[in-house]
């Protein structure tokens, strides 16, 4: 496998320099990232029995497949891993769980259509006692869950003081055990905001002044992990409205002098959640700590990268393990799901329009073993970077700046002061 991975790494470097990625400045970094994710997650899905021929076929696909096809395959690869993770969690948490091709309704509420589930409609009128029944789960601790996960997939996560040699590094995210390249090692939890709801992000317009747990996807979706904190101790109805105390780790340079006046003059809009009463989520999720991953220090390299994951809302049995909820009543984006266009003999499954919840996960870019998880924040250099930030790749940061400037131009009234990592 080491030899095959070396071939993939060479392919990543070669394809990243391809003129294909230079057609449109707005897309250059996204396309390069998706190409890497296609290689890494496909390599992971091949498993340890992969042959050199299999590896060469993936590399050939990466050089020829259209971006849309690569996105579909990445989604399929990530979804396969998360589905396996969800099944493992059910085995230890759900009483009398039976793994079958037609999983039971473990959400504890009547099944609803995908669209009504996504926007919080289709059930009983909101704000009435007994609207949602939180299903019974075993009283398993998060520590026990992490050990169970480590025993079955080979790794788990831990939060402890960072090893980055900087006085403001604070807490860091660590992987205990071993994870292969392309493995989903963490979810980025929290509340997701579409561009239409930017004004509802706490602290707007200086949303990042006192919140280091914000991240953006390339499609403009913002995820605020601050309400999630370190999770919880049970499965519960979670609405993302409360802000737990997760430690004082807002680094110097984030709370600039003018922010006090901004807080007095500007407040986030209230409301926007009237039709969504929360979702039943597993707050003990042992992988929902992606927001604790630090940016690598000087001389260090990132070992994970962000990957957009569009969770199909109709996968009801998996829903408790997706640690995100949608803010507002936007109709979710629809994703045409073709199944696997390559792993299943090149044939497409039934095509269907499925409402999705747009989230992010962290994917390993190399084999990991008992080490701190490091993520390239790619901070735009359109503003003064904080003292602790050391660029990993100046070219990537420039691409990020180009993307942010384009986005800000398209959403000028909402993003004028929005400066996020992602």
Protein backbone atom coordinates (compact mmCIF):
# COMPACT_ATOMS: atom_id res chain seq x y z
CA UNK A 1 0.00 0.00 0.00
CA UNK A 2 2.88 2.38 0.68
CA UNK A 3 4.05 2.06 -2.92
CA UNK A 4 0.54 2.71 -4.22
CA UNK A 5 0.14 5.77 -2.02
CA UNK A 6 3.40 7.14 -3.40
CA UNK A 7 1.92 6.88 -6.88
CA UNK A 8 -1.14 8.81 -5.68
CA UNK A 9 1.01 11.53 -4.14
CA UNK A 10 2.92 11.92 -7.39
CA UNK A 11 -0.39 12.14 -9.24
CA UNK A 12 -1.63 14.83 -6.84
CA UNK A 13 1.46 16.95 -7.49
CA UNK A 14 1.25 16.45 -11.25
CA UNK A 15 -2.46 17.16 -11.59
CA UNK A 16 -2.25 20.24 -9.38
CA UNK A 17 0.01 21.84 -12.00
CA UNK A 18 -2.32 20.98 -14.86
CA UNK A 19 -3.44 23.95 -17.00
CA UNK A 20 -6.95 22.52 -16.66
CA UNK A 21 -7.19 24.25 -13.30
CA UNK A 22 -6.29 27.67 -14.70
CA UNK A 23 -9.44 28.24 -16.78
CA UNK A 24 -11.34 30.21 -14.19
CA UNK A 25 -9.68 31.97 -11.23
CA UNK A 26 -12.82 31.52 -9.12
CA UNK A 27 -12.68 27.77 -9.52
CA UNK A 28 -8.96 27.09 -9.47
CA UNK A 29 -8.56 26.12 -5.80
CA UNK A 30 -11.89 24.32 -5.60
CA UNK A 31 -11.07 22.17 -8.62
CA UNK A 32 -7.59 21.38 -7.30
CA UNK A 33 -9.03 20.41 -3.92
CA UNK A 34 -11.74 18.25 -5.43
CA UNK A 35 -9.15 16.49 -7.56
CA UNK A 36 -7.09 15.69 -4.46
CA UNK A 37 -10.17 14.52 -2.59
CA UNK A 38 -11.11 12.27 -5.50
CA UNK A 39 -7.68 10.62 -5.37
CA UNK A 40 -7.47 10.35 -1.58
CA UNK A 41 -10.99 9.06 -0.90
CA UNK A 42 -10.93 6.69 -3.87
CA UNK A 43 -7.61 5.33 -2.66
CA UNK A 44 -9.15 4.81 0.77
CA UNK A 45 -12.16 3.02 -0.68
CA UNK A 46 -9.95 0.60 -2.60
CA UNK A 47 -8.82 -0.82 0.72
CA UNK A 48 -5.71 -2.74 1.59
CA UNK A 49 -6.25 -5.30 -1.18
CA UNK A 50 -5.81 -2.71 -3.92
CA UNK A 51 -3.50 -3.49 -6.81
CA UNK A 52 -1.25 -1.22 -8.83
CA UNK A 53 -3.68 -1.55 -11.73
CA UNK A 54 -6.50 -0.25 -9.52
CA UNK A 55 -4.39 2.72 -8.48
CA UNK A 56 -3.45 3.55 -12.06
CA UNK A 57 -7.11 3.42 -13.08
CA UNK A 58 -8.03 5.96 -10.40
CA UNK A 59 -5.19 8.26 -11.42
CA UNK A 60 -6.30 8.02 -15.05
CA UNK A 61 -9.86 8.83 -14.01
CA UNK A 62 -8.67 11.86 -12.04
CA UNK A 63 -6.91 13.26 -15.09
CA UNK A 64 -9.89 12.78 -17.41
CA UNK A 65 -13.12 12.90 -15.40
CA UNK A 66 -15.18 16.07 -15.39
CA UNK A 67 -15.34 18.05 -12.16
CA UNK A 68 -19.01 17.14 -11.67
CA UNK A 69 -18.21 13.45 -11.94
CA UNK A 70 -15.37 13.77 -9.45
CA UNK A 71 -17.67 15.60 -7.01
CA UNK A 72 -20.25 12.82 -7.26
CA UNK A 73 -17.66 10.17 -6.58
CA UNK A 74 -16.19 12.05 -3.62
CA UNK A 75 -19.70 12.32 -2.17
CA UNK A 76 -20.21 8.59 -2.66
CA UNK A 77 -16.87 7.78 -1.03
CA UNK A 78 -17.48 10.03 1.98
CA UNK A 79 -21.07 8.88 2.39
CA UNK A 80 -19.95 5.25 2.43
CA UNK A 81 -17.55 5.94 5.30
CA UNK A 82 -20.09 7.93 7.30
CA UNK A 83 -22.73 5.28 6.82
CA UNK A 84 -20.35 2.67 8.24
CA UNK A 85 -19.60 4.99 11.17
CA UNK A 86 -23.32 5.49 11.83
CA UNK A 87 -23.93 1.75 11.84
CA UNK A 88 -21.12 1.27 14.37
CA UNK A 89 -22.64 3.91 16.62
CA UNK A 90 -26.05 2.27 16.37
CA UNK A 91 -24.57 -1.05 17.40
CA UNK A 92 -23.42 0.32 20.75
CA UNK A 93 -26.10 2.99 21.39
CA UNK A 94 -29.41 1.71 20.03
CA UNK A 95 -31.14 -0.94 22.19
CA UNK A 96 -31.86 -4.16 20.27
CA UNK A 97 -30.26 -2.77 17.14
CA UNK A 98 -30.30 -5.08 14.15
CA UNK A 99 -28.19 -4.24 11.14
CA UNK A 100 -30.23 -4.89 8.03
CA UNK A 101 -30.69 -3.53 4.55
CA UNK A 102 -33.83 -1.76 5.74
CA UNK A 103 -32.83 -0.08 9.03
CA UNK A 104 -35.56 0.72 11.53
CA UNK A 105 -36.72 4.25 12.23
CA UNK A 106 -34.43 5.09 15.16
CA UNK A 107 -35.15 8.82 15.22
CA UNK A 108 -38.10 8.35 17.54
CA UNK A 109 -40.40 10.50 15.39
CA UNK A 110 -42.78 9.65 12.53
CA UNK A 111 -41.09 9.50 9.14
CA UNK A 112 -41.49 12.64 7.11
CA UNK A 113 -40.64 13.60 3.57
CA UNK A 114 -37.06 14.64 2.91
CA UNK A 115 -38.05 18.24 2.19
CA UNK A 116 -40.29 18.62 5.25
CA UNK A 117 -37.57 17.10 7.45
CA UNK A 118 -34.99 19.52 6.09
CA UNK A 119 -37.02 22.66 6.72
CA UNK A 120 -38.66 21.49 9.95
CA UNK A 121 -42.18 21.15 8.57
CA UNK A 122 -44.59 18.31 8.01
CA UNK A 123 -44.88 17.28 11.68
CA UNK A 124 -47.03 18.55 14.55
CA UNK A 125 -47.32 22.32 15.04
CA UNK A 126 -44.11 23.70 16.59
CA UNK A 127 -43.58 24.70 20.20
CA UNK A 128 -46.03 22.20 21.63
CA UNK A 129 -45.05 19.79 24.41
CA UNK A 130 -44.31 16.34 23.15
CA UNK A 131 -43.69 17.40 19.55
CA UNK A 132 -40.50 15.36 19.30
CA UNK A 133 -39.76 12.18 21.16
CA UNK A 134 -36.06 11.67 21.79
CA UNK A 135 -35.42 7.95 21.36
CA UNK A 136 -34.00 5.90 24.16
CA UNK A 137 -30.31 5.07 23.86
CA UNK A 138 -27.94 3.15 26.07
CA UNK A 139 -26.21 5.20 28.81
CA UNK A 140 -22.84 4.84 27.13
CA UNK A 141 -20.26 7.52 27.90
CA UNK A 142 -18.38 9.37 25.19
CA UNK A 143 -15.16 7.80 26.46
CA UNK A 144 -16.66 4.35 25.96
CA UNK A 145 -17.86 5.37 22.49
CA UNK A 146 -14.37 6.54 21.56
CA UNK A 147 -12.84 3.27 22.74
CA UNK A 148 -15.44 1.27 20.81
CA UNK A 149 -14.70 3.32 17.69
CA UNK A 150 -10.94 2.85 18.12
CA UNK A 151 -11.41 -0.90 18.47
CA UNK A 152 -13.43 -1.13 15.25
CA UNK A 153 -11.97 1.42 12.83
CA UNK A 154 -8.54 1.92 14.39
CA UNK A 155 -8.73 5.50 15.62
CA UNK A 156 -10.57 7.99 17.82
CA UNK A 157 -10.19 11.67 18.74
CA UNK A 158 -9.04 13.54 21.81
CA UNK A 159 -8.80 17.21 22.78
CA UNK A 160 -5.73 18.26 24.73
CA UNK A 161 -3.06 20.99 24.77
CA UNK A 162 -1.65 21.58 21.31
CA UNK A 163 1.94 20.67 20.46
CA UNK A 164 2.31 23.72 18.22
CA UNK A 165 5.25 25.77 19.58
CA UNK A 166 3.31 28.99 19.97
CA UNK A 167 2.05 30.52 23.20
CA UNK A 168 -1.43 31.05 21.78
CA UNK A 169 -1.89 27.52 20.36
CA UNK A 170 -4.33 26.53 23.12
CA UNK A 171 -6.19 23.24 22.79
CA UNK A 172 -5.59 20.93 19.85
CA UNK A 173 -7.28 17.95 18.21
CA UNK A 174 -5.42 14.65 18.38
CA UNK A 175 -5.93 11.33 16.65
CA UNK A 176 -5.33 8.27 18.79
CA UNK A 177 -4.58 5.18 16.74
CA UNK A 178 -4.05 4.90 12.99
CA UNK A 179 -6.06 6.29 10.06
CA UNK A 180 -5.42 5.66 6.38
CA UNK A 181 -5.18 8.42 3.79
CA UNK A 182 -8.63 9.46 2.60
CA UNK A 183 -10.30 8.54 5.90
CA UNK A 184 -12.93 10.85 7.37
CA UNK A 185 -11.35 11.71 10.72
CA UNK A 186 -13.73 14.41 11.97
CA UNK A 187 -17.00 16.23 11.36
CA UNK A 188 -17.17 20.03 11.49
CA UNK A 189 -20.26 20.42 13.72
CA UNK A 190 -22.62 23.32 14.29
CA UNK A 191 -25.22 25.55 12.69
CA UNK A 192 -25.10 26.06 8.92
CA UNK A 193 -26.05 29.39 7.33
CA UNK A 194 -26.82 29.97 3.68
CA UNK A 195 -25.96 33.43 2.26
CA UNK A 196 -29.56 34.54 2.76
CA UNK A 197 -29.06 34.20 6.54
CA UNK A 198 -25.62 35.72 7.07
CA UNK A 199 -27.19 38.58 9.03
CA UNK A 200 -28.39 36.11 11.64
CA UNK A 201 -24.90 34.86 12.50
CA UNK A 202 -24.15 35.89 16.11
CA UNK A 203 -21.93 38.97 16.21
CA UNK A 204 -22.82 40.12 12.68
CA UNK A 205 -21.20 41.90 10.93
CA UNK A 206 -17.93 41.24 12.79
CA UNK A 207 -18.82 37.59 13.19
CA UNK A 208 -15.24 36.41 13.68
CA UNK A 209 -14.30 38.98 16.33
CA UNK A 210 -14.92 36.62 19.25
CA UNK A 211 -15.65 33.35 17.50
CA UNK A 212 -12.74 31.26 16.17
CA UNK A 213 -15.07 28.37 15.27
CA UNK A 214 -16.39 29.65 11.92
CA UNK A 215 -15.63 28.13 8.54
CA UNK A 216 -16.97 28.60 5.01
CA UNK A 217 -17.50 26.17 2.18
CA UNK A 218 -16.67 27.20 -1.35
CA UNK A 219 -20.38 27.55 -2.13
CA UNK A 220 -20.71 30.21 0.59
CA UNK A 221 -22.27 28.06 3.30
CA UNK A 222 -21.02 29.19 6.72
CA UNK A 223 -20.79 26.72 9.62
CA UNK A 224 -20.70 28.05 13.16
CA UNK A 225 -19.34 25.38 15.53
CA UNK A 226 -19.36 27.57 18.64
CA UNK A 227 -22.81 26.41 19.82
CA UNK A 228 -21.71 22.77 19.60
CA UNK A 229 -18.76 23.26 21.95
CA UNK A 230 -17.43 19.87 23.05
CA UNK A 231 -20.75 18.15 22.46
CA UNK A 232 -22.85 16.63 25.22
CA UNK A 233 -23.60 13.49 27.18
CA UNK A 234 -26.71 12.11 25.54
CA UNK A 235 -28.90 12.10 22.43
CA UNK A 236 -31.09 15.18 22.58
CA UNK A 237 -33.19 17.68 20.70
CA UNK A 238 -30.63 20.31 19.74
CA UNK A 239 -31.46 23.71 18.29
CA UNK A 240 -28.01 25.32 18.32
CA UNK A 241 -29.22 28.44 20.12
CA UNK A 242 -27.13 28.25 23.30
CA UNK A 243 -23.41 29.01 23.42
CA UNK A 244 -21.49 26.70 25.77
CA UNK A 245 -18.27 27.70 27.49
CA UNK A 246 -15.56 26.00 25.44
CA UNK A 247 -12.56 27.83 26.82
CA UNK A 248 -10.97 31.19 26.29
CA UNK A 249 -9.08 30.55 23.10
CA UNK A 250 -9.85 33.61 21.04
CA UNK A 251 -6.35 34.51 19.97
CA UNK A 252 -4.92 38.01 20.24
CA UNK A 253 -5.56 40.00 17.12
CA UNK A 254 -9.08 38.62 16.75
CA UNK A 255 -10.69 41.14 19.12
CA UNK A 256 -9.60 44.38 17.52
CA UNK A 257 -10.12 47.74 19.21
CA UNK A 258 -12.97 48.87 17.00
CA UNK A 259 -15.00 45.73 17.67
CA UNK A 260 -16.47 47.14 20.90
CA UNK A 261 -18.10 49.94 18.91
CA UNK A 262 -19.27 47.48 16.25
CA UNK A 263 -20.98 45.45 18.96
CA UNK A 264 -22.80 48.57 20.20
CA UNK A 265 -23.88 49.68 16.72
CA UNK A 266 -24.65 46.31 15.13
CA UNK A 267 -26.59 43.31 16.30
CA UNK A 268 -27.46 40.12 14.46
CA UNK A 269 -31.07 39.86 13.34
CA UNK A 270 -33.30 37.81 15.59
CA UNK A 271 -35.65 35.08 14.52
CA UNK A 272 -35.27 33.03 11.36
CA UNK A 273 -35.79 29.71 13.12
CA UNK A 274 -39.54 29.82 13.66
CA UNK A 275 -40.22 26.75 11.53
CA UNK A 276 -37.34 24.62 12.80
CA UNK A 277 -37.65 23.32 16.33
CA UNK A 278 -34.29 21.59 16.33
CA UNK A 279 -33.16 18.09 15.43
CA UNK A 280 -32.52 14.95 17.46
CA UNK A 281 -28.73 14.66 17.37
CA UNK A 282 -26.23 12.42 19.11
CA UNK A 283 -24.29 14.90 21.21
CA UNK A 284 -21.83 12.19 22.26
CA UNK A 285 -20.60 11.91 18.65
CA UNK A 286 -16.91 10.98 19.11
CA UNK A 287 -15.86 12.50 15.77
CA UNK A 288 -17.65 15.86 16.05
CA UNK A 289 -14.55 17.86 16.96
CA UNK A 290 -13.25 19.20 13.63
CA UNK A 291 -13.44 22.77 14.97
CA UNK A 292 -10.59 22.03 17.39
CA UNK A 293 -8.08 21.32 14.62
CA UNK A 294 -5.29 23.91 14.68
CA UNK A 295 -3.42 25.53 11.84
CA UNK A 296 0.11 24.06 11.56
CA UNK A 297 2.95 26.01 13.11
CA UNK A 298 6.10 27.09 11.34
CA UNK A 299 7.88 24.16 9.74
CA UNK A 300 4.83 21.90 10.15
CA UNK A 301 2.57 20.51 7.44
CA UNK A 302 -1.22 19.99 7.45
CA UNK A 303 -2.34 16.36 7.51
CA UNK A 304 -6.05 16.82 6.79
CA UNK A 305 -8.13 18.92 4.40
CA UNK A 306 -11.74 20.05 4.42
CA UNK A 307 -14.21 18.19 2.25
CA UNK A 308 -17.75 19.36 1.49
CA UNK A 309 -20.25 16.64 2.33
CA UNK A 310 -23.86 16.99 1.25
CA UNK A 311 -25.79 14.71 3.58
CA UNK A 312 -28.95 13.26 1.98
CA UNK A 313 -31.77 14.21 4.35
CA UNK A 314 -33.77 11.09 3.51
CA UNK A 315 -31.12 8.89 5.18
CA UNK A 316 -33.12 9.09 8.40
CA UNK A 317 -31.23 6.39 10.29
CA UNK A 318 -27.97 8.35 9.88
CA UNK A 319 -29.38 11.75 10.83
CA UNK A 320 -28.51 11.68 14.58
CA UNK A 321 -24.81 11.34 13.71
CA UNK A 322 -24.62 14.36 11.39
CA UNK A 323 -23.79 17.11 13.94
CA UNK A 324 -25.28 20.01 12.00
CA UNK A 325 -28.58 21.82 11.71
CA UNK A 326 -29.77 24.32 9.14
CA UNK A 327 -30.53 27.86 10.21
CA UNK A 328 -33.67 29.30 8.69
CA UNK A 329 -36.25 27.89 6.35
CA UNK A 330 -34.30 27.72 3.12
CA UNK A 331 -35.33 24.84 0.93
CA UNK A 332 -32.25 22.62 0.91
CA UNK A 333 -30.20 22.29 -2.22
CA UNK A 334 -31.08 19.29 -4.37
CA UNK A 335 -28.36 16.94 -5.40
CA UNK A 336 -28.72 14.50 -8.26
CA UNK A 337 -27.43 11.28 -6.89
CA UNK A 338 -26.20 8.76 -9.46
CA UNK A 339 -24.65 6.31 -7.04
CA UNK A 340 -21.16 5.14 -7.96
CA UNK A 341 -20.23 5.75 -11.58
CA UNK A 342 -17.07 3.74 -11.32
CA UNK A 343 -16.95 1.45 -8.32
CA UNK A 344 -20.01 -0.46 -9.53
CA UNK A 345 -18.77 -1.50 -12.94
CA UNK A 346 -19.26 1.92 -14.41
CA UNK A 347 -23.04 1.76 -14.26
CA UNK A 348 -25.26 4.41 -12.71
CA UNK A 349 -27.87 3.65 -10.09
CA UNK A 350 -31.33 5.13 -10.15
CA UNK A 351 -31.22 8.92 -10.51
CA UNK A 352 -33.14 10.88 -7.86
CA UNK A 353 -33.32 14.45 -6.61
CA UNK A 354 -32.51 14.35 -2.91
CA UNK A 355 -32.60 17.33 -0.50
CA UNK A 356 -29.29 17.66 1.30
CA UNK A 357 -27.81 19.31 4.37
CA UNK A 358 -24.53 20.96 3.41
CA UNK A 359 -21.77 20.12 5.86
CA UNK A 360 -17.98 19.70 6.08
CA UNK A 361 -15.73 16.85 7.18
CA UNK A 362 -11.96 16.59 7.61
CA UNK A 363 -10.19 14.01 5.43
CA UNK A 364 -6.70 12.63 6.05
CA UNK A 365 -4.19 13.57 3.34
CA UNK A 366 -1.70 10.92 4.46
CA UNK A 367 -1.55 8.02 6.89
CA UNK A 368 -1.94 9.27 10.47
CA UNK A 369 -0.68 7.66 13.66
CA UNK A 370 -1.05 9.05 17.20
CA UNK A 371 -0.58 12.69 16.24
CA UNK A 372 -2.15 16.13 16.27
CA UNK A 373 -4.57 16.92 13.46
CA UNK A 374 -3.52 20.03 11.55
CA UNK A 375 -5.64 21.92 9.03
CA UNK A 376 -4.48 24.66 6.68
CA UNK A 377 -6.74 27.61 7.52
CA UNK A 378 -5.85 29.42 4.27
CA UNK A 379 -6.49 32.83 5.79
CA UNK A 380 -7.01 35.52 3.21
CA UNK A 381 -4.24 38.11 3.17
CA UNK A 382 -6.76 40.85 2.44
CA UNK A 383 -6.48 41.72 6.13
CA UNK A 384 -3.64 41.59 8.60
CA UNK A 385 -2.98 37.99 9.53
CA UNK A 386 -2.71 37.13 13.22
CA UNK A 387 0.73 36.60 14.71
CA UNK A 388 0.25 32.84 15.08
CA UNK A 389 -0.55 32.31 11.38
CA UNK A 390 2.19 30.90 9.16
CA UNK A 391 1.19 30.38 5.50
CA UNK A 392 1.48 26.78 4.32
CA UNK A 393 1.18 27.66 0.64
CA UNK A 394 1.16 31.31 -0.41
CA UNK A 395 -0.29 30.37 -3.80
CA UNK A 396 -3.27 28.67 -2.16
CA UNK A 397 -3.80 31.69 0.07
CA UNK A 398 -3.78 33.96 -2.98
CA UNK A 399 -6.40 31.74 -4.59
CA UNK A 400 -8.41 31.94 -1.40
CA UNK A 401 -8.16 35.74 -1.50
CA UNK A 402 -9.39 35.79 -5.10
CA UNK A 403 -12.32 33.59 -4.11
CA UNK A 404 -13.25 35.71 -1.10
CA UNK A 405 -13.02 38.94 -3.08
CA UNK A 406 -15.30 37.50 -5.75
CA UNK A 407 -17.77 36.27 -3.15
CA UNK A 408 -17.73 39.59 -1.33
CA UNK A 409 -18.47 41.36 -4.61
CA UNK A 410 -21.42 39.07 -5.26
CA UNK A 411 -22.81 39.48 -1.72
CA UNK A 412 -21.43 42.91 -0.87
CA UNK A 413 -24.22 43.93 1.49
CA UNK A 414 -23.87 40.77 3.58
CA UNK A 415 -20.19 39.87 3.39
CA UNK A 416 -18.55 43.26 3.66
CA UNK A 417 -17.04 42.42 7.05
CA UNK A 418 -17.13 38.65 6.87
CA UNK A 419 -13.62 37.21 7.10
CA UNK A 420 -13.56 33.48 7.68
CA UNK A 421 -11.23 30.55 7.20
CA UNK A 422 -12.08 27.60 5.00
